[in-house]
Amino acid sequence: MIIEIDADGGFGGIAAAALHKRIDVDAQTEPMRQKLNDAFGTRELQRLSTRDCGDCADRLTYRITLSFEGRRSRSFTLREDQIPPEMLDLIDRM
């Protein structure tokens, strides 16, 4: 699985907040692969996308795309407040 994350927005849409990350989950060590699969699984992303984000003004918006070999990719759009701190830490480490 390939995970691609694009983020933008934030206070006044500051360009410095824009990011693009791409990671091949299969190429990671087993502990990291497990963390990524748990955090970025389709069901987990679907669950997070339905969470209320309260006041989402001036928050980053993340577009997370999962690509699977031989299958159609899936994309999810999440606001910063919908993403748990552990997942944000993983994104920083990618």
C-alpha atoms as a PDB file:
ATOM      1  CA  MET A   1       0.000   0.000   0.000  1.00  0.00           C
ATOM      2  CA  ILE A   2       1.140   3.523  -0.793  1.00  0.00           C
ATOM      3  CA  ILE A   3      -0.028   6.379   1.424  1.00  0.00           C
ATOM      4  CA  GLU A   4       0.006   9.890  -0.015  1.00  0.00           C
ATOM      5  CA  ILE A   5      -0.836  12.844   2.178  1.00  0.00           C
ATOM      6  CA  ASP A   6      -1.429  16.366   0.973  1.00  0.00           C
ATOM      7  CA  ALA A   7      -2.229  19.106   3.453  1.00  0.00           C
ATOM      8  CA  ASP A   8      -2.989  22.761   3.067  1.00  0.00           C
ATOM      9  CA  GLY A   9      -4.867  25.527   4.736  1.00  0.00           C
ATOM     10  CA  GLY A  10      -4.381  26.667   8.269  1.00  0.00           C
ATOM     11  CA  PHE A  11      -4.302  30.238   9.414  1.00  0.00           C
ATOM     12  CA  GLY A  12      -4.870  32.382   6.361  1.00  0.00           C
ATOM     13  CA  GLY A  13      -3.924  29.456   4.073  1.00  0.00           C
ATOM     14  CA  ILE A  14      -0.228  29.976   4.796  1.00  0.00           C
ATOM     15  CA  ALA A  15       1.805  28.325   2.043  1.00  0.00           C
ATOM     16  CA  ALA A  16       4.341  27.033   4.573  1.00  0.00           C
ATOM     17  CA  ALA A  17       1.614  24.753   5.914  1.00  0.00           C
ATOM     18  CA  ALA A  18       1.302  22.944   2.558  1.00  0.00           C
ATOM     19  CA  LEU A  19       2.862  19.515   2.479  1.00  0.00           C
ATOM     20  CA  HIS A  20       3.039  16.411   0.330  1.00  0.00           C
ATOM     21  CA  LYS A  21       4.251  13.100   1.680  1.00  0.00           C
ATOM     22  CA  ARG A  22       4.362   9.666   0.116  1.00  0.00           C
ATOM     23  CA  ILE A  23       5.317   6.416   1.797  1.00  0.00           C
ATOM     24  CA  ASP A  24       5.447   2.814   0.618  1.00  0.00           C
ATOM     25  CA  VAL A  25       4.122   0.921   3.623  1.00  0.00           C
ATOM     26  CA  ASP A  26       5.489  -2.420   2.401  1.00  0.00           C
ATOM     27  CA  ALA A  27       9.041  -1.021   2.394  1.00  0.00           C
ATOM     28  CA  GLN A  28       8.931  -0.129   6.115  1.00  0.00           C
ATOM     29  CA  THR A  29      10.102  -2.170   9.083  1.00  0.00           C
ATOM     30  CA  GLU A  30       7.486  -4.471  10.574  1.00  0.00           C
ATOM     31  CA  PRO A  31       6.745  -2.246  13.612  1.00  0.00           C
ATOM     32  CA  MET A  32       6.308   0.848  11.436  1.00  0.00           C
ATOM     33  CA  ARG A  33       4.285  -1.088   8.843  1.00  0.00           C
ATOM     34  CA  GLN A  34       1.900  -2.223  11.601  1.00  0.00           C
ATOM     35  CA  LYS A  35       1.518   1.322  12.962  1.00  0.00           C
ATOM     36  CA  LEU A  36       0.800   2.696   9.492  1.00  0.00           C
ATOM     37  CA  ASN A  37      -1.702  -0.057   8.664  1.00  0.00           C
ATOM     38  CA  ASP A  38      -3.517   0.503  11.963  1.00  0.00           C
ATOM     39  CA  ALA A  39      -3.612   4.300  11.654  1.00  0.00           C
ATOM     40  CA  PHE A  40      -4.318   4.577   7.930  1.00  0.00           C
ATOM     41  CA  GLY A  41      -6.576   1.595   7.340  1.00  0.00           C
ATOM     42  CA  THR A  42      -9.648   2.245   5.225  1.00  0.00           C
ATOM     43  CA  ARG A  43     -12.053   1.595   8.096  1.00  0.00           C
ATOM     44  CA  GLU A  44     -10.139   3.862  10.460  1.00  0.00           C
ATOM     45  CA  LEU A  45     -10.044   6.707   7.924  1.00  0.00           C
ATOM     46  CA  GLN A  46     -13.763   6.279   7.250  1.00  0.00           C
ATOM     47  CA  ARG A  47     -14.458   6.422  10.990  1.00  0.00           C
ATOM     48  CA  LEU A  48     -12.339   9.544  11.459  1.00  0.00           C
ATOM     49  CA  SER A  49     -13.955  11.304   8.500  1.00  0.00           C
ATOM     50  CA  THR A  50     -17.358  11.075  10.188  1.00  0.00           C
ATOM     51  CA  ARG A  51     -16.170  12.677  13.447  1.00  0.00           C
ATOM     52  CA  ASP A  52     -17.406  16.163  14.196  1.00  0.00           C
ATOM     53  CA  CYS A  53     -14.548  18.610  13.871  1.00  0.00           C
ATOM     54  CA  GLY A  54     -16.204  21.462  15.756  1.00  0.00           C
ATOM     55  CA  ASP A  55     -14.859  24.805  14.627  1.00  0.00           C
ATOM     56  CA  CYS A  56     -12.650  23.864  11.697  1.00  0.00           C
ATOM     57  CA  ALA A  57     -11.780  27.422  10.787  1.00  0.00           C
ATOM     58  CA  ASP A  58      -8.058  28.028  10.377  1.00  0.00           C
ATOM     59  CA  ARG A  59      -7.258  24.311  10.548  1.00  0.00           C
ATOM     60  CA  LEU A  60      -5.258  22.217   8.137  1.00  0.00           C
ATOM     61  CA  THR A  61      -7.107  19.984   5.713  1.00  0.00           C
ATOM     62  CA  TYR A  62      -5.509  16.623   4.919  1.00  0.00           C
ATOM     63  CA  ARG A  63      -6.245  14.605   1.799  1.00  0.00           C
ATOM     64  CA  ILE A  64      -5.085  11.048   2.409  1.00  0.00           C
ATOM     65  CA  THR A  65      -4.959   8.690  -0.563  1.00  0.00           C
ATOM     66  CA  LEU A  66      -4.405   4.963  -0.187  1.00  0.00           C
ATOM     67  CA  SER A  67      -3.210   3.108  -3.284  1.00  0.00           C
ATOM     68  CA  PHE A  68      -3.322  -0.671  -3.385  1.00  0.00           C
ATOM     69  CA  GLU A  69      -1.549  -2.789  -5.968  1.00  0.00           C
ATOM     70  CA  GLY A  70      -4.049  -3.950  -8.557  1.00  0.00           C
ATOM     71  CA  ARG A  71      -6.977  -2.156  -6.911  1.00  0.00           C
ATOM     72  CA  ARG A  72      -8.585   1.257  -7.087  1.00  0.00           C
ATOM     73  CA  SER A  73      -7.199   3.924  -4.767  1.00  0.00           C
ATOM     74  CA  ARG A  74      -9.292   5.487  -1.991  1.00  0.00           C
ATOM     75  CA  SER A  75      -9.105   9.100  -0.837  1.00  0.00           C
ATOM     76  CA  PHE A  76     -10.283  10.684   2.392  1.00  0.00           C
ATOM     77  CA  THR A  77     -10.429  14.337   3.404  1.00  0.00           C
ATOM     78  CA  LEU A  78      -9.909  15.048   7.075  1.00  0.00           C
ATOM     79  CA  ARG A  79      -9.642  18.255   9.044  1.00  0.00           C
ATOM     80  CA  GLU A  80      -6.883  18.650  11.585  1.00  0.00           C
ATOM     81  CA  ASP A  81      -9.275  18.264  14.540  1.00  0.00           C
ATOM     82  CA  GLN A  82     -10.513  14.920  13.187  1.00  0.00           C
ATOM     83  CA  ILE A  83      -7.038  13.371  13.300  1.00  0.00           C
ATOM     84  CA  PRO A  84      -5.777  11.917  16.577  1.00  0.00           C
ATOM     85  CA  PRO A  85      -2.399  13.152  17.887  1.00  0.00           C
ATOM     86  CA  GLU A  86      -0.787   9.738  17.313  1.00  0.00           C
ATOM     87  CA  MET A  87      -1.660   9.902  13.619  1.00  0.00           C
ATOM     88  CA  LEU A  88      -0.311  13.456  13.355  1.00  0.00           C
ATOM     89  CA  ASP A  89       2.932  12.179  14.903  1.00  0.00           C
ATOM     90  CA  LEU A  90       3.116   9.424  12.273  1.00  0.00           C
ATOM     91  CA  ILE A  91       2.561  11.978   9.511  1.00  0.00           C
ATOM     92  CA  ASP A  92       5.424  14.053  10.906  1.00  0.00           C
ATOM     93  CA  ARG A  93       7.673  10.970  10.926  1.00  0.00           C
ATOM     94  CA  MET A  94       6.876  10.031   7.317  1.00  0.00           C
END
